[in-house]
Amino acid sequence: MDPRQMRRMMKQMGIESEEIEGVEEVIIRAADKEYVIAGAQVTRMNVKGQATVFQVVGEPEERAKGSGTPGKPAIPIEDIRLVAEKAGVSEEEARKALEECNGEPAEAIIKLMSR
């Protein structure tokens, strides 16, 4: 089905949609991690004036919750798990070491193992 037909059908069903331009990133915060989608394509849909639905398209990067705030590097959850495993410490200790080492896994592992 071509996009024009799709828009026409959606309008008949009471669904209005618009592309949100200029999106830099979308952040979804869960209890223990964040999903960051840089350069996401976002569409806002209004269903019969009652509900607003956002459709986000892009590749997410998974990182620890709270990382990537101003002054702190964004630390992917995979790096935290790697440092924790290699240094034999908890994920919390690994995250702190990564923050102190500006997100460098090798440096964080060496720091933790040299204690």
N, C-alpha and C. Protein backbone atom coordinates (compact mmCIF):
# COMPACT_ATOMS: atom_id res chain seq x y z
N MET A 1 0.85 -1.17 0.00
CA MET A 1 0.00 0.00 0.00
C MET A 1 0.90 1.24 0.00
N ASP A 2 0.57 2.19 -0.85
CA ASP A 2 1.43 3.38 -0.91
C ASP A 2 1.10 4.33 0.25
N PRO A 3 2.03 5.20 0.62
CA PRO A 3 1.85 6.08 1.79
C PRO A 3 0.61 6.98 1.70
N ARG A 4 0.27 7.42 0.50
CA ARG A 4 -0.90 8.28 0.33
C ARG A 4 -2.18 7.54 0.71
N GLN A 5 -2.31 6.30 0.24
CA GLN A 5 -3.49 5.48 0.58
C GLN A 5 -3.53 5.22 2.09
N MET A 6 -2.38 4.96 2.68
CA MET A 6 -2.31 4.70 4.10
C MET A 6 -2.78 5.92 4.89
N ARG A 7 -2.32 7.12 4.52
CA ARG A 7 -2.75 8.35 5.20
C ARG A 7 -4.25 8.55 5.06
N ARG A 8 -4.78 8.28 3.88
CA ARG A 8 -6.22 8.43 3.64
C ARG A 8 -7.02 7.48 4.52
N MET A 9 -6.59 6.23 4.62
CA MET A 9 -7.28 5.25 5.46
C MET A 9 -7.21 5.65 6.94
N MET A 10 -6.05 6.12 7.35
CA MET A 10 -5.90 6.52 8.75
C MET A 10 -6.81 7.70 9.07
N LYS A 11 -6.91 8.65 8.15
CA LYS A 11 -7.77 9.81 8.36
C LYS A 11 -9.23 9.38 8.45
N GLN A 12 -9.65 8.41 7.63
CA GLN A 12 -11.03 7.90 7.68
C GLN A 12 -11.31 7.24 9.04
N MET A 13 -10.28 6.66 9.65
CA MET A 13 -10.45 5.99 10.95
C MET A 13 -10.27 6.98 12.11
N GLY A 14 -10.03 8.24 11.80
CA GLY A 14 -9.89 9.25 12.84
C GLY A 14 -8.49 9.33 13.43
N ILE A 15 -7.50 8.87 12.67
CA ILE A 15 -6.12 8.89 13.14
C ILE A 15 -5.35 9.95 12.34
N GLU A 16 -4.83 10.94 13.06
CA GLU A 16 -4.00 11.96 12.41
C GLU A 16 -2.56 11.68 12.78
N SER A 17 -1.65 11.85 11.81
CA SER A 17 -0.23 11.61 12.12
C SER A 17 0.62 12.71 11.53
N GLU A 18 1.74 12.96 12.21
CA GLU A 18 2.70 13.94 11.71
C GLU A 18 4.10 13.50 12.08
N GLU A 19 5.02 13.73 11.18
CA GLU A 19 6.44 13.44 11.42
C GLU A 19 7.00 14.59 12.25
N ILE A 20 7.74 14.26 13.31
CA ILE A 20 8.37 15.29 14.13
C ILE A 20 9.77 15.50 13.56
N GLU A 21 10.02 16.72 13.10
CA GLU A 21 11.29 17.03 12.44
C GLU A 21 12.36 17.44 13.46
N GLY A 22 13.60 17.20 13.12
CA GLY A 22 14.74 17.67 13.90
C GLY A 22 14.99 16.92 15.20
N VAL A 23 14.54 15.68 15.31
CA VAL A 23 14.76 14.91 16.54
C VAL A 23 16.24 14.54 16.62
N GLU A 24 16.87 14.89 17.74
CA GLU A 24 18.28 14.56 17.94
C GLU A 24 18.46 13.21 18.60
N GLU A 25 17.67 12.94 19.65
CA GLU A 25 17.71 11.64 20.29
C GLU A 25 16.45 11.43 21.11
N VAL A 26 16.15 10.15 21.34
CA VAL A 26 15.03 9.76 22.19
C VAL A 26 15.61 8.91 23.30
N ILE A 27 15.22 9.21 24.55
CA ILE A 27 15.72 8.44 25.70
C ILE A 27 14.53 7.79 26.40
N ILE A 28 14.60 6.49 26.56
CA ILE A 28 13.58 5.74 27.30
C ILE A 28 14.24 5.25 28.58
N ARG A 29 13.73 5.71 29.72
CA ARG A 29 14.32 5.33 31.01
C ARG A 29 13.51 4.23 31.65
N ALA A 30 14.16 3.10 31.90
CA ALA A 30 13.55 1.98 32.62
C ALA A 30 14.09 2.02 34.05
N ALA A 31 13.70 1.06 34.87
CA ALA A 31 14.10 1.04 36.27
C ALA A 31 15.61 1.01 36.45
N ASP A 32 16.32 0.23 35.62
CA ASP A 32 17.76 0.07 35.84
C ASP A 32 18.63 0.43 34.64
N LYS A 33 18.02 0.83 33.53
CA LYS A 33 18.83 1.19 32.37
C LYS A 33 18.09 2.18 31.49
N GLU A 34 18.79 2.70 30.50
CA GLU A 34 18.22 3.64 29.56
C GLU A 34 18.45 3.13 28.15
N TYR A 35 17.53 3.44 27.27
CA TYR A 35 17.68 3.15 25.85
C TYR A 35 17.78 4.49 25.15
N VAL A 36 18.88 4.74 24.47
CA VAL A 36 19.09 6.01 23.79
C VAL A 36 19.08 5.74 22.29
N ILE A 37 18.20 6.44 21.59
CA ILE A 37 18.08 6.26 20.14
C ILE A 37 18.47 7.60 19.51
N ALA A 38 19.72 7.67 19.01
CA ALA A 38 20.22 8.90 18.39
C ALA A 38 19.69 8.97 16.96
N GLY A 39 19.32 10.17 16.54
CA GLY A 39 18.84 10.37 15.17
C GLY A 39 17.57 9.61 14.87
N ALA A 40 16.71 9.45 15.85
CA ALA A 40 15.49 8.66 15.68
C ALA A 40 14.51 9.35 14.73
N GLN A 41 13.72 8.55 14.07
CA GLN A 41 12.63 9.04 13.24
C GLN A 41 11.37 8.88 14.09
N VAL A 42 10.70 9.99 14.40
CA VAL A 42 9.56 9.96 15.32
C VAL A 42 8.30 10.46 14.61
N THR A 43 7.22 9.69 14.78
CA THR A 43 5.91 10.07 14.25
C THR A 43 4.93 10.14 15.41
N ARG A 44 4.18 11.25 15.47
CA ARG A 44 3.16 11.41 16.50
C ARG A 44 1.82 11.15 15.85
N MET A 45 1.02 10.27 16.48
CA MET A 45 -0.32 9.94 15.98
C MET A 45 -1.35 10.27 17.04
N ASN A 46 -2.41 10.94 16.62
CA ASN A 46 -3.51 11.29 17.51
C ASN A 46 -4.70 10.44 17.09
N VAL A 47 -5.20 9.61 17.99
CA VAL A 47 -6.28 8.68 17.68
C VAL A 47 -7.60 9.27 18.18
N LYS A 48 -8.40 9.73 17.25
CA LYS A 48 -9.74 10.29 17.53
C LYS A 48 -9.74 11.30 18.67
N GLY A 49 -8.66 12.09 18.76
CA GLY A 49 -8.58 13.13 19.76
C GLY A 49 -8.46 12.63 21.19
N GLN A 50 -8.32 11.33 21.40
CA GLN A 50 -8.31 10.78 22.75
C GLN A 50 -6.93 10.33 23.21
N ALA A 51 -6.17 9.72 22.34
CA ALA A 51 -4.87 9.17 22.73
C ALA A 51 -3.80 9.66 21.77
N THR A 52 -2.62 9.91 22.31
CA THR A 52 -1.48 10.27 21.48
C THR A 52 -0.49 9.11 21.52
N VAL A 53 -0.07 8.67 20.34
CA VAL A 53 0.86 7.55 20.22
C VAL A 53 2.10 8.06 19.49
N PHE A 54 3.27 7.72 20.02
CA PHE A 54 4.52 8.07 19.37
C PHE A 54 5.16 6.81 18.82
N GLN A 55 5.56 6.86 17.56
CA GLN A 55 6.27 5.75 16.93
C GLN A 55 7.71 6.20 16.75
N VAL A 56 8.65 5.43 17.31
CA VAL A 56 10.07 5.76 17.26
C VAL A 56 10.79 4.68 16.46
N VAL A 57 11.56 5.12 15.45
CA VAL A 57 12.31 4.18 14.62
C VAL A 57 13.78 4.55 14.69
N GLY A 58 14.63 3.56 15.02
CA GLY A 58 16.07 3.78 15.09
C GLY A 58 16.73 2.67 15.87
N GLU A 59 18.06 2.69 15.92
CA GLU A 59 18.84 1.68 16.64
C GLU A 59 19.13 2.16 18.05
N PRO A 60 18.64 1.46 19.07
CA PRO A 60 18.89 1.91 20.44
C PRO A 60 20.27 1.50 20.96
N GLU A 61 20.82 2.35 21.82
CA GLU A 61 22.04 2.01 22.57
C GLU A 61 21.57 1.82 24.01
N GLU A 62 21.93 0.72 24.60
CA GLU A 62 21.54 0.44 25.98
C GLU A 62 22.66 0.91 26.90
N ARG A 63 22.30 1.66 27.96
CA ARG A 63 23.31 2.12 28.91
C ARG A 63 22.73 2.14 30.31
N ALA A 64 23.61 2.22 31.29
CA ALA A 64 23.18 2.24 32.68
C ALA A 64 22.37 3.49 32.95
N LYS A 65 21.37 3.36 33.80
CA LYS A 65 20.54 4.51 34.13
C LYS A 65 21.38 5.56 34.84
N GLY A 66 21.18 6.80 34.43
CA GLY A 66 21.90 7.91 35.05
C GLY A 66 23.23 8.22 34.42
N SER A 67 23.73 7.38 33.53
CA SER A 67 24.99 7.70 32.87
C SER A 67 24.67 8.63 31.70
N GLY A 68 25.63 9.39 31.30
CA GLY A 68 25.41 10.30 30.18
C GLY A 68 24.84 11.63 30.59
N THR A 69 24.76 11.90 31.89
CA THR A 69 24.29 13.20 32.33
C THR A 69 25.42 14.20 32.14
N PRO A 70 25.12 15.51 32.13
CA PRO A 70 26.18 16.50 31.91
C PRO A 70 27.35 16.29 32.88
N GLY A 71 28.56 16.28 32.32
CA GLY A 71 29.75 16.09 33.14
C GLY A 71 30.15 14.64 33.31
N LYS A 72 29.28 13.72 32.90
CA LYS A 72 29.59 12.29 33.01
C LYS A 72 29.50 11.66 31.62
N PRO A 73 30.38 10.70 31.31
CA PRO A 73 30.28 10.04 30.01
C PRO A 73 29.10 9.06 29.97
N ALA A 74 28.57 8.82 28.79
CA ALA A 74 27.53 7.81 28.62
C ALA A 74 28.22 6.45 28.66
N ILE A 75 27.77 5.57 29.54
CA ILE A 75 28.43 4.28 29.72
C ILE A 75 27.48 3.16 29.31
N PRO A 76 27.79 2.48 28.21
CA PRO A 76 26.94 1.37 27.78
C PRO A 76 26.92 0.26 28.82
N ILE A 77 25.77 -0.36 29.00
CA ILE A 77 25.61 -1.44 29.99
C ILE A 77 26.56 -2.60 29.68
N GLU A 78 26.87 -2.80 28.39
CA GLU A 78 27.79 -3.88 28.02
C GLU A 78 29.18 -3.64 28.61
N ASP A 79 29.63 -2.36 28.62
CA ASP A 79 30.93 -2.04 29.20
C ASP A 79 30.94 -2.29 30.71
N ILE A 80 29.83 -1.93 31.37
CA ILE A 80 29.74 -2.16 32.81
C ILE A 80 29.83 -3.64 33.12
N ARG A 81 29.11 -4.45 32.36
CA ARG A 81 29.13 -5.90 32.58
C ARG A 81 30.51 -6.49 32.31
N LEU A 82 31.17 -6.00 31.26
CA LEU A 82 32.51 -6.48 30.91
C LEU A 82 33.49 -6.18 32.04
N VAL A 83 33.50 -4.93 32.52
CA VAL A 83 34.42 -4.54 33.60
C VAL A 83 34.12 -5.33 34.86
N ALA A 84 32.84 -5.47 35.20
CA ALA A 84 32.47 -6.23 36.41
C ALA A 84 32.96 -7.66 36.32
N GLU A 85 32.79 -8.29 35.16
CA GLU A 85 33.20 -9.68 34.98
C GLU A 85 34.72 -9.83 35.04
N LYS A 86 35.42 -9.00 34.31
CA LYS A 86 36.88 -9.13 34.23
C LYS A 86 37.58 -8.76 35.54
N ALA A 87 37.02 -7.78 36.27
CA ALA A 87 37.66 -7.34 37.52
C ALA A 87 37.10 -8.07 38.74
N GLY A 88 36.03 -8.85 38.54
CA GLY A 88 35.44 -9.59 39.65
C GLY A 88 34.78 -8.70 40.69
N VAL A 89 34.08 -7.66 40.23
CA VAL A 89 33.40 -6.73 41.13
C VAL A 89 31.93 -6.63 40.74
N SER A 90 31.16 -5.91 41.57
CA SER A 90 29.74 -5.72 41.25
C SER A 90 29.60 -4.73 40.09
N GLU A 91 28.41 -4.72 39.49
CA GLU A 91 28.17 -3.79 38.39
C GLU A 91 28.21 -2.34 38.87
N GLU A 92 27.79 -2.10 40.11
CA GLU A 92 27.84 -0.75 40.67
C GLU A 92 29.28 -0.27 40.79
N GLU A 93 30.17 -1.14 41.29
CA GLU A 93 31.59 -0.78 41.40
C GLU A 93 32.19 -0.55 40.02
N ALA A 94 31.81 -1.40 39.07
CA ALA A 94 32.31 -1.26 37.71
C ALA A 94 31.86 0.06 37.10
N ARG A 95 30.60 0.45 37.33
CA ARG A 95 30.08 1.72 36.80
C ARG A 95 30.85 2.90 37.39
N LYS A 96 31.09 2.87 38.70
CA LYS A 96 31.84 3.96 39.34
C LYS A 96 33.25 4.06 38.77
N ALA A 97 33.91 2.91 38.58
CA ALA A 97 35.26 2.92 38.02
C ALA A 97 35.26 3.46 36.60
N LEU A 98 34.26 3.07 35.80
CA LEU A 98 34.17 3.57 34.43
C LEU A 98 33.94 5.08 34.42
N GLU A 99 33.12 5.59 35.33
CA GLU A 99 32.89 7.03 35.40
C GLU A 99 34.20 7.75 35.75
N GLU A 100 34.97 7.19 36.68
CA GLU A 100 36.24 7.80 37.07
C GLU A 100 37.27 7.74 35.95
N CYS A 101 37.14 6.76 35.07
CA CYS A 101 38.10 6.57 33.98
C CYS A 101 37.54 7.07 32.64
N ASN A 102 36.56 7.96 32.70
CA ASN A 102 35.96 8.56 31.50
C ASN A 102 35.44 7.52 30.50
N GLY A 103 34.89 6.43 31.02
CA GLY A 103 34.25 5.44 30.18
C GLY A 103 35.20 4.47 29.50
N GLU A 104 36.47 4.45 29.89
CA GLU A 104 37.46 3.56 29.27
C GLU A 104 37.49 2.21 30.00
N PRO A 105 36.95 1.13 29.39
CA PRO A 105 36.89 -0.17 30.06
C PRO A 105 38.25 -0.71 30.50
N ALA A 106 39.25 -0.64 29.62
CA ALA A 106 40.56 -1.21 29.96
C ALA A 106 41.15 -0.50 31.17
N GLU A 107 41.07 0.81 31.19
CA GLU A 107 41.60 1.60 32.30
C GLU A 107 40.85 1.28 33.60
N ALA A 108 39.53 1.10 33.50
CA ALA A 108 38.73 0.78 34.68
C ALA A 108 39.10 -0.60 35.23
N ILE A 109 39.30 -1.57 34.35
CA ILE A 109 39.68 -2.93 34.78
C ILE A 109 41.02 -2.89 35.50
N ILE A 110 41.99 -2.18 34.92
CA ILE A 110 43.32 -2.09 35.53
C ILE A 110 43.22 -1.42 36.89
N LYS A 111 42.45 -0.36 36.98
CA LYS A 111 42.29 0.35 38.25
C LYS A 111 41.69 -0.55 39.31
N LEU A 112 40.64 -1.29 38.96
CA LEU A 112 39.97 -2.17 39.93
C LEU A 112 40.86 -3.34 40.34
N MET A 113 41.64 -3.88 39.41
CA MET A 113 42.47 -5.03 39.71
C MET A 113 43.73 -4.64 40.48
N SER A 114 44.13 -3.38 40.42
CA SER A 114 45.34 -2.96 41.12
C SER A 114 45.09 -2.55 42.57
N ARG A 115 43.86 -2.66 43.02
CA ARG A 115 43.55 -2.33 44.41
C ARG A 115 44.02 -3.41 45.34
